[in-house]
Structures are given as C-alpha cells and as structure tokens.
Amino acid sequence: MEALLRLNALPAGQSGTVAAVDGQGALERRLQELGLTRGALVRCLDRRKSGRAGCYDVRGTVLALRRSDSRGVWLECKS
C-alpha cells in the first residue's frame, strides 16, 4: 500500500516517488527545475539536527532543501 508523505517528513535512508509539487509560483517552478517532477525517485540522505534542512538524492544529484521548501513536495511511499 502506498502512503502520501511530505518530503520534509521523509526519514533519512528512506525513499519515495514524487506524486505532486504544491509550491507557489516561482518556488514550484524552481523545485521542478531541480528535478522534483511527478514520478521522480527521491531518497533522503540526511536531515540536519536542527530540523531546518535536509539532503536528498534526486536523479543522481544531491539537493539541500530548507524544510519550508520541501513541505510542498508530496511523495508516494511504500508502507
């Protein structure tokens, strides 16, 4: 069964597939330009202890995103 989860809630070491990007204007476009498009596989590499940022592997590229920016990305994750 697949569950929807926001990217900022994805635990380190886990992965999911992008289901939707729910940003506002320029932010949504920027996230998509970074490779966060529907169907892309995303793996959480690390999460900062402060909880304000996370590192993700997206299409072979490592991205560091603020928690506020990663909230707009919805993932389908196997539970």
C-alpha atoms as a PDB file:
ATOM      1  CA  MET A   1       0.000   0.000   0.000  1.00  0.00           C
ATOM      2  CA  GLU A   2       1.250   3.461  -0.888  1.00  0.00           C
ATOM      3  CA  ALA A   3       1.010   6.386   1.544  1.00  0.00           C
ATOM      4  CA  LEU A   4       1.358  10.097   0.773  1.00  0.00           C
ATOM      5  CA  LEU A   5       4.060  11.889   2.735  1.00  0.00           C
ATOM      6  CA  ARG A   6       5.579  15.364   2.534  1.00  0.00           C
ATOM      7  CA  LEU A   7       9.243  15.409   1.541  1.00  0.00           C
ATOM      8  CA  ASN A   8      10.222  17.206   4.763  1.00  0.00           C
ATOM      9  CA  ALA A   9       8.826  14.239   6.765  1.00  0.00           C
ATOM     10  CA  LEU A  10      10.758  11.560   4.859  1.00  0.00           C
ATOM     11  CA  PRO A  11      13.162   9.813   7.273  1.00  0.00           C
ATOM     12  CA  ALA A  12      16.871   9.563   6.441  1.00  0.00           C
ATOM     13  CA  GLY A  13      17.586   6.458   4.372  1.00  0.00           C
ATOM     14  CA  GLN A  14      14.025   6.189   3.048  1.00  0.00           C
ATOM     15  CA  SER A  15      12.812   6.932  -0.470  1.00  0.00           C
ATOM     16  CA  GLY A  16       9.630   7.771  -2.310  1.00  0.00           C
ATOM     17  CA  THR A  17       8.300   8.822  -5.689  1.00  0.00           C
ATOM     18  CA  VAL A  18       7.149  12.393  -6.326  1.00  0.00           C
ATOM     19  CA  ALA A  19       3.350  12.465  -6.546  1.00  0.00           C
ATOM     20  CA  ALA A  20       2.873  16.244  -6.717  1.00  0.00           C
ATOM     21  CA  VAL A  21       4.631  19.572  -6.240  1.00  0.00           C
ATOM     22  CA  ASP A  22       2.415  22.006  -4.381  1.00  0.00           C
ATOM     23  CA  GLY A  23       4.514  25.166  -4.280  1.00  0.00           C
ATOM     24  CA  GLN A  24       3.668  28.759  -5.044  1.00  0.00           C
ATOM     25  CA  GLY A  25       4.659  30.215  -8.432  1.00  0.00           C
ATOM     26  CA  ALA A  26       8.421  30.628  -8.583  1.00  0.00           C
ATOM     27  CA  LEU A  27       9.078  28.071  -5.832  1.00  0.00           C
ATOM     28  CA  GLU A  28       7.049  25.380  -7.599  1.00  0.00           C
ATOM     29  CA  ARG A  29       8.861  26.082 -10.866  1.00  0.00           C
ATOM     30  CA  ARG A  30      12.262  26.021  -9.144  1.00  0.00           C
ATOM     31  CA  LEU A  31      11.571  22.679  -7.442  1.00  0.00           C
ATOM     32  CA  GLN A  32      10.558  21.199 -10.786  1.00  0.00           C
ATOM     33  CA  GLU A  33      13.692  22.613 -12.439  1.00  0.00           C
ATOM     34  CA  LEU A  34      15.737  20.829  -9.749  1.00  0.00           C
ATOM     35  CA  GLY A  35      14.216  17.527 -10.898  1.00  0.00           C
ATOM     36  CA  LEU A  36      11.346  17.185  -8.444  1.00  0.00           C
ATOM     37  CA  THR A  37       8.763  16.229 -11.052  1.00  0.00           C
ATOM     38  CA  ARG A  38       5.997  13.639 -10.917  1.00  0.00           C
ATOM     39  CA  GLY A  39       7.447  10.123 -10.914  1.00  0.00           C
ATOM     40  CA  ALA A  40      10.991  11.112  -9.849  1.00  0.00           C
ATOM     41  CA  LEU A  41      12.578   8.885  -7.206  1.00  0.00           C
ATOM     42  CA  VAL A  42      13.794  10.806  -4.136  1.00  0.00           C
ATOM     43  CA  ARG A  43      15.924   9.402  -1.313  1.00  0.00           C
ATOM     44  CA  CYS A  44      16.591  11.273   1.933  1.00  0.00           C
ATOM     45  CA  LEU A  45      20.328  11.186   2.608  1.00  0.00           C
ATOM     46  CA  ASP A  46      20.479  13.242   5.786  1.00  0.00           C
ATOM     47  CA  ARG A  47      18.460  15.567   7.937  1.00  0.00           C
ATOM     48  CA  ARG A  48      20.014  18.413   9.924  1.00  0.00           C
ATOM     49  CA  LYS A  49      19.720  18.078  13.685  1.00  0.00           C
ATOM     50  CA  SER A  50      18.027  21.469  13.819  1.00  0.00           C
ATOM     51  CA  GLY A  51      15.321  20.092  11.517  1.00  0.00           C
ATOM     52  CA  ARG A  52      15.544  23.099   9.242  1.00  0.00           C
ATOM     53  CA  ALA A  53      17.101  21.363   6.209  1.00  0.00           C
ATOM     54  CA  GLY A  54      17.515  18.017   4.553  1.00  0.00           C
ATOM     55  CA  CYS A  55      19.741  16.489   1.866  1.00  0.00           C
ATOM     56  CA  TYR A  56      18.099  14.448  -0.879  1.00  0.00           C
ATOM     57  CA  ASP A  57      19.253  12.364  -3.837  1.00  0.00           C
ATOM     58  CA  VAL A  58      17.110  13.264  -6.847  1.00  0.00           C
ATOM     59  CA  ARG A  59      18.003  11.749 -10.228  1.00  0.00           C
ATOM     60  CA  GLY A  60      21.641  11.330  -9.196  1.00  0.00           C
ATOM     61  CA  THR A  61      22.010  14.865  -7.875  1.00  0.00           C
ATOM     62  CA  VAL A  62      22.265  15.806  -4.199  1.00  0.00           C
ATOM     63  CA  LEU A  63      19.960  18.663  -3.197  1.00  0.00           C
ATOM     64  CA  ALA A  64      19.870  20.517   0.095  1.00  0.00           C
ATOM     65  CA  LEU A  65      16.439  21.985   0.736  1.00  0.00           C
ATOM     66  CA  ARG A  66      15.019  24.058   3.557  1.00  0.00           C
ATOM     67  CA  ARG A  67      12.208  22.407   5.452  1.00  0.00           C
ATOM     68  CA  SER A  68       9.790  25.131   4.364  1.00  0.00           C
ATOM     69  CA  ASP A  69      10.589  24.490   0.685  1.00  0.00           C
ATOM     70  CA  SER A  70      10.412  20.700   0.913  1.00  0.00           C
ATOM     71  CA  ARG A  71       6.933  20.834   2.508  1.00  0.00           C
ATOM     72  CA  GLY A  72       5.410  21.463  -0.917  1.00  0.00           C
ATOM     73  CA  VAL A  73       6.603  18.148  -2.369  1.00  0.00           C
ATOM     74  CA  TRP A  74       4.315  15.135  -1.882  1.00  0.00           C
ATOM     75  CA  LEU A  75       5.743  11.615  -2.149  1.00  0.00           C
ATOM     76  CA  GLU A  76       4.198   8.206  -2.569  1.00  0.00           C
ATOM     77  CA  CYS A  77       5.975   5.871  -0.159  1.00  0.00           C
ATOM     78  CA  LYS A  78       5.509   2.157   0.375  1.00  0.00           C
ATOM     79  CA  SER A  79       4.378   1.451   3.903  1.00  0.00           C
END
